[in-house]
């Protein structure tokens, strides 16, 4: 799950960097940022579960 989110984040980030200037690029930027944050949160939660065990 985390790897898929990071791959999707990277693809959206590349599109955002290439196609700047319109409203769709701003939407892609927001979505890619949200996916990056979600991936980091999932990684943190998984690491905390591993520490408890």
N, C-alpha and C. Protein backbone atom coordinates (compact mmCIF):
# COMPACT_ATOMS: atom_id res chain seq x y z
N UNK A 1 0.83 -1.19 0.00
CA UNK A 1 0.00 0.00 0.00
C UNK A 1 0.87 1.26 0.00
N UNK A 2 1.89 1.25 0.87
CA UNK A 2 2.75 2.43 0.97
C UNK A 2 3.55 2.65 -0.31
N UNK A 3 4.00 1.56 -0.90
CA UNK A 3 4.79 1.67 -2.13
C UNK A 3 3.91 2.18 -3.27
N UNK A 4 2.68 1.70 -3.34
CA UNK A 4 1.77 2.17 -4.38
C UNK A 4 1.48 3.66 -4.22
N UNK A 5 1.30 4.11 -2.99
CA UNK A 5 1.07 5.54 -2.76
C UNK A 5 2.27 6.39 -3.16
N UNK A 6 3.46 5.91 -2.86
CA UNK A 6 4.66 6.66 -3.22
C UNK A 6 4.83 6.71 -4.74
N UNK A 7 4.56 5.61 -5.43
CA UNK A 7 4.67 5.59 -6.89
C UNK A 7 3.66 6.56 -7.51
N UNK A 8 2.43 6.53 -7.02
CA UNK A 8 1.41 7.45 -7.51
C UNK A 8 1.78 8.89 -7.20
N UNK A 9 2.33 9.12 -6.02
CA UNK A 9 2.79 10.46 -5.64
C UNK A 9 3.87 10.95 -6.59
N UNK A 10 4.82 10.10 -6.91
CA UNK A 10 5.91 10.49 -7.80
C UNK A 10 5.40 10.81 -9.20
N UNK A 11 4.48 10.01 -9.70
CA UNK A 11 3.92 10.25 -11.04
C UNK A 11 3.17 11.58 -11.06
N UNK A 12 2.33 11.82 -10.07
CA UNK A 12 1.59 13.07 -10.02
C UNK A 12 2.51 14.27 -9.84
N UNK A 13 3.57 14.09 -9.07
CA UNK A 13 4.53 15.19 -8.88
C UNK A 13 5.23 15.53 -10.19
N UNK A 14 5.59 14.52 -10.96
CA UNK A 14 6.23 14.77 -12.26
C UNK A 14 5.27 15.49 -13.20
N UNK A 15 4.01 15.04 -13.27
CA UNK A 15 3.04 15.74 -14.11
C UNK A 15 2.84 17.17 -13.65
N UNK A 16 2.82 17.38 -12.33
CA UNK A 16 2.65 18.73 -11.79
C UNK A 16 3.81 19.63 -12.19
N UNK A 17 5.01 19.09 -12.17
CA UNK A 17 6.18 19.89 -12.55
C UNK A 17 6.21 20.19 -14.04
N UNK A 18 5.73 19.28 -14.87
CA UNK A 18 5.76 19.48 -16.31
C UNK A 18 4.64 20.41 -16.78
N UNK A 19 3.44 20.20 -16.29
CA UNK A 19 2.27 20.94 -16.78
C UNK A 19 1.85 22.03 -15.82
N UNK A 20 2.68 23.00 -15.58
CA UNK A 20 2.32 24.09 -14.69
C UNK A 20 1.61 25.19 -15.46
N UNK A 21 0.78 25.93 -14.77
CA UNK A 21 0.15 27.08 -15.37
C UNK A 21 -1.36 27.02 -15.46
N UNK A 22 -1.95 25.84 -15.35
CA UNK A 22 -3.40 25.78 -15.41
C UNK A 22 -3.96 25.23 -14.10
N UNK A 23 -5.26 25.20 -14.01
CA UNK A 23 -5.93 24.79 -12.77
C UNK A 23 -5.71 23.30 -12.50
N UNK A 24 -5.57 22.50 -13.55
CA UNK A 24 -5.37 21.07 -13.35
C UNK A 24 -4.03 20.77 -12.70
N UNK A 25 -3.04 21.57 -13.00
CA UNK A 25 -1.73 21.35 -12.37
C UNK A 25 -1.80 21.66 -10.88
N UNK A 26 -2.59 22.63 -10.51
CA UNK A 26 -2.74 22.94 -9.08
C UNK A 26 -3.46 21.81 -8.36
N UNK A 27 -4.47 21.25 -9.00
CA UNK A 27 -5.19 20.13 -8.41
C UNK A 27 -4.27 18.93 -8.26
N UNK A 28 -3.46 18.65 -9.30
CA UNK A 28 -2.51 17.54 -9.22
C UNK A 28 -1.49 17.78 -8.11
N UNK A 29 -1.07 19.02 -7.93
CA UNK A 29 -0.13 19.33 -6.86
C UNK A 29 -0.71 19.07 -5.48
N UNK A 30 -1.96 19.45 -5.29
CA UNK A 30 -2.62 19.22 -4.00
C UNK A 30 -2.81 17.72 -3.75
N UNK A 31 -3.22 17.00 -4.78
CA UNK A 31 -3.43 15.56 -4.63
C UNK A 31 -2.11 14.85 -4.35
N UNK A 32 -1.05 15.25 -5.05
CA UNK A 32 0.23 14.59 -4.81
C UNK A 32 0.76 14.90 -3.42
N UNK A 33 0.54 16.10 -2.94
CA UNK A 33 0.96 16.43 -1.58
C UNK A 33 0.19 15.61 -0.55
N UNK A 34 -1.10 15.47 -0.76
CA UNK A 34 -1.92 14.67 0.15
C UNK A 34 -1.49 13.21 0.15
N UNK A 35 -1.16 12.68 -1.02
CA UNK A 35 -0.71 11.28 -1.09
C UNK A 35 0.64 11.09 -0.40
N UNK A 36 1.53 12.07 -0.54
CA UNK A 36 2.82 11.99 0.14
C UNK A 36 2.66 12.00 1.65
N UNK A 37 1.79 12.87 2.14
CA UNK A 37 1.54 12.93 3.58
C UNK A 37 0.88 11.65 4.07
N UNK A 38 -0.08 11.14 3.32
CA UNK A 38 -0.75 9.90 3.70
C UNK A 38 0.23 8.73 3.75
N UNK A 39 1.13 8.68 2.81
CA UNK A 39 2.13 7.61 2.80
C UNK A 39 3.04 7.70 4.03
N UNK A 40 3.44 8.91 4.38
CA UNK A 40 4.29 9.08 5.57
C UNK A 40 3.55 8.70 6.85
N UNK A 41 2.27 9.05 6.93
CA UNK A 41 1.47 8.70 8.11
C UNK A 41 1.33 7.18 8.22
N UNK A 42 1.08 6.52 7.10
CA UNK A 42 0.96 5.06 7.13
C UNK A 42 2.28 4.40 7.53
N UNK A 43 3.38 4.94 7.05
CA UNK A 43 4.69 4.40 7.43
C UNK A 43 4.94 4.59 8.93
N UNK A 44 4.59 5.73 9.44
CA UNK A 44 4.77 6.02 10.86
C UNK A 44 3.94 5.07 11.72
N UNK A 45 2.68 4.88 11.32
CA UNK A 45 1.81 3.99 12.09
C UNK A 45 2.32 2.56 12.06
N UNK A 46 2.82 2.10 10.93
CA UNK A 46 3.36 0.75 10.82
C UNK A 46 4.60 0.60 11.70
N UNK A 47 5.43 1.63 11.73
CA UNK A 47 6.63 1.58 12.55
C UNK A 47 6.28 1.56 14.05
N UNK A 48 5.28 2.31 14.43
CA UNK A 48 4.85 2.31 15.83
C UNK A 48 4.28 0.95 16.23
N UNK A 49 3.57 0.30 15.33
CA UNK A 49 3.06 -1.05 15.63
C UNK A 49 4.20 -2.03 15.80
N UNK A 50 5.25 -1.89 14.99
CA UNK A 50 6.40 -2.79 15.10
C UNK A 50 7.17 -2.56 16.41
N UNK A 51 7.22 -1.34 16.88
CA UNK A 51 7.92 -1.04 18.13
C UNK A 51 7.21 -1.67 19.33
N UNK A 52 5.88 -1.69 19.29
CA UNK A 52 5.11 -2.23 20.40
C UNK A 52 5.25 -3.74 20.50
N UNK A 53 5.50 -4.41 19.39
CA UNK A 53 5.60 -5.87 19.40
C UNK A 53 6.94 -6.32 19.81
